[in-house]
Amino acid sequence: MIPIASHRILLEDLALDVDIGFHDFEVGVPQRLLVTVEVTLDPAAFPEEDSREAAWDYDCIRAGIHALVAGRRFNLQETLAREIFAMVAARPGVRALTVITRKPDVYPDAGAVGVVLSSP
């Protein structure tokens, strides 16, 4: 049997409407933002049994991100990405982390513009 080398969970392309950007035309006009969070867990934090109690809860990541952006504006994706990173990194069992934010509607000739933060 091949040994498991890493234990990861993924929240991919969480779609949010966020008041973000520093250009005059962006201020006060929510934009679509996609957030991806990939968490590498300590093997002890990865569920061994098929039960709700053993699960690493995706809801806390999703709800935490929604709470960060609720009623708030950001000038930079970098700021929001750092706050998401800090929130998830503080959870027990996190060994490594990647946070990606992307604004998909900025340029008609590009899929998105964004920020990637990751730990070693």
Protein backbone atom coordinates (compact mmCIF):
# COMPACT_ATOMS: atom_id res chain seq x y z
CA MET A 1 0.00 0.00 0.00
CA ILE A 2 1.22 3.51 -0.78
CA PRO A 3 1.62 5.61 2.38
CA ILE A 4 -0.27 8.87 2.69
CA ALA A 5 2.21 11.74 2.41
CA SER A 6 -0.09 14.60 3.38
CA HIS A 7 -3.54 15.27 4.74
CA ARG A 8 -5.25 18.25 3.12
CA ILE A 9 -8.65 19.82 2.95
CA LEU A 10 -9.78 22.32 0.36
CA LEU A 11 -12.36 25.08 0.11
CA GLU A 12 -12.24 26.12 -3.54
CA ASP A 13 -13.56 29.27 -5.21
CA LEU A 14 -15.81 30.52 -2.44
CA ALA A 15 -17.68 33.31 -4.24
CA LEU A 16 -18.16 36.56 -2.34
CA ASP A 17 -19.30 40.08 -3.12
CA VAL A 18 -16.69 42.30 -1.48
CA ASP A 19 -16.20 46.07 -1.37
CA ILE A 20 -12.57 45.90 -2.43
CA GLY A 21 -10.18 48.02 -4.47
CA PHE A 22 -8.50 51.39 -4.26
CA HIS A 23 -9.59 52.93 -7.57
CA ASP A 24 -12.35 55.54 -7.32
CA PHE A 25 -14.67 53.43 -9.48
CA GLU A 26 -14.23 50.45 -7.11
CA VAL A 27 -14.97 52.16 -3.79
CA GLY A 28 -18.47 51.37 -2.58
CA VAL A 29 -19.13 48.98 -5.48
CA PRO A 30 -18.88 45.34 -4.35
CA GLN A 31 -16.92 43.08 -6.69
CA ARG A 32 -16.99 39.35 -7.14
CA LEU A 33 -14.07 37.74 -5.34
CA LEU A 34 -13.16 34.06 -5.32
CA VAL A 35 -11.32 32.60 -2.34
CA THR A 36 -9.56 29.26 -2.17
CA VAL A 37 -8.11 27.85 1.04
CA GLU A 38 -5.98 24.71 1.12
CA VAL A 39 -5.06 23.41 4.56
CA THR A 40 -2.45 20.75 5.25
CA LEU A 41 -3.32 19.10 8.53
CA ASP A 42 -1.31 17.29 11.10
CA PRO A 43 -2.20 13.61 10.59
CA ALA A 44 -3.62 13.51 14.14
CA ALA A 45 -6.14 16.23 13.16
CA PHE A 46 -7.33 14.29 10.08
CA PRO A 47 -10.42 12.16 10.80
CA GLU A 48 -9.76 8.47 11.35
CA GLU A 49 -13.43 7.54 11.60
CA ASP A 50 -16.43 8.29 9.41
CA SER A 51 -18.31 10.55 11.80
CA ARG A 52 -19.38 14.14 12.06
CA GLU A 53 -17.58 14.53 15.38
CA ALA A 54 -14.24 13.54 13.82
CA ALA A 55 -14.54 15.89 10.83
CA TRP A 56 -12.43 18.99 10.34
CA ASP A 57 -15.21 21.53 9.90
CA TYR A 58 -15.25 23.38 6.56
CA ASP A 59 -18.15 25.48 7.86
CA CYS A 60 -15.87 27.35 10.27
CA ILE A 61 -13.59 28.43 7.42
CA ARG A 62 -16.47 29.51 5.20
CA ALA A 63 -18.33 31.28 8.00
CA GLY A 64 -15.11 32.95 9.17
CA ILE A 65 -14.41 34.35 5.72
CA HIS A 66 -17.98 35.62 5.41
CA ALA A 67 -17.62 37.30 8.82
CA LEU A 68 -14.33 38.97 7.78
CA VAL A 69 -15.91 40.63 4.73
CA ALA A 70 -19.34 41.44 6.18
CA GLY A 71 -19.98 45.17 6.23
CA ARG A 72 -16.34 46.01 5.64
CA ARG A 73 -14.26 47.36 2.79
CA PHE A 74 -10.73 46.53 1.78
CA ASN A 75 -8.34 48.51 -0.39
CA LEU A 76 -6.16 45.49 -1.14
CA GLN A 77 -6.63 41.78 -1.76
CA GLU A 78 -3.36 41.36 0.13
CA THR A 79 -5.00 42.64 3.32
CA LEU A 80 -7.96 40.29 3.05
CA ALA A 81 -5.73 37.33 2.16
CA ARG A 82 -3.53 38.01 5.22
CA GLU A 83 -6.57 38.11 7.51
CA ILE A 84 -7.96 34.86 6.12
CA PHE A 85 -4.51 33.27 6.46
CA ALA A 86 -4.20 34.33 10.11
CA MET A 87 -7.71 33.11 10.93
CA VAL A 88 -7.18 29.63 9.47
CA ALA A 89 -3.58 29.30 10.70
CA ALA A 90 -4.81 29.80 14.28
CA ARG A 91 -6.96 26.66 14.12
CA PRO A 92 -5.61 23.51 15.78
CA GLY A 93 -3.88 20.95 13.59
CA VAL A 94 -2.85 23.28 10.76
CA ARG A 95 0.61 22.37 9.46
CA ALA A 96 0.68 24.37 6.23
CA LEU A 97 -1.68 26.71 4.47
CA THR A 98 -2.36 28.37 1.14
CA VAL A 99 -4.87 31.19 0.64
CA ILE A 100 -5.72 32.46 -2.84
CA THR A 101 -7.92 35.47 -3.57
CA ARG A 102 -8.94 36.31 -7.13
CA LYS A 103 -10.98 39.06 -8.75
CA PRO A 104 -12.28 37.38 -11.94
CA ASP A 105 -13.97 40.40 -13.52
CA VAL A 106 -11.14 42.95 -13.70
CA TYR A 107 -9.83 42.49 -17.25
CA PRO A 108 -11.73 41.07 -20.21
CA ASP A 109 -8.57 39.39 -21.52
CA ALA A 110 -7.53 37.72 -18.24
CA GLY A 111 -9.17 35.02 -16.13
CA ALA A 112 -8.48 36.84 -12.87
CA VAL A 113 -6.06 38.96 -10.87
CA GLY A 114 -5.16 37.81 -7.42
CA VAL A 115 -2.93 37.10 -4.48
CA VAL A 116 -1.45 33.82 -3.23
CA LEU A 117 -0.13 33.44 0.33
CA SER A 118 1.35 30.14 1.40
CA SER A 119 3.41 28.75 4.21
CA PRO A 120 6.47 26.60 3.63
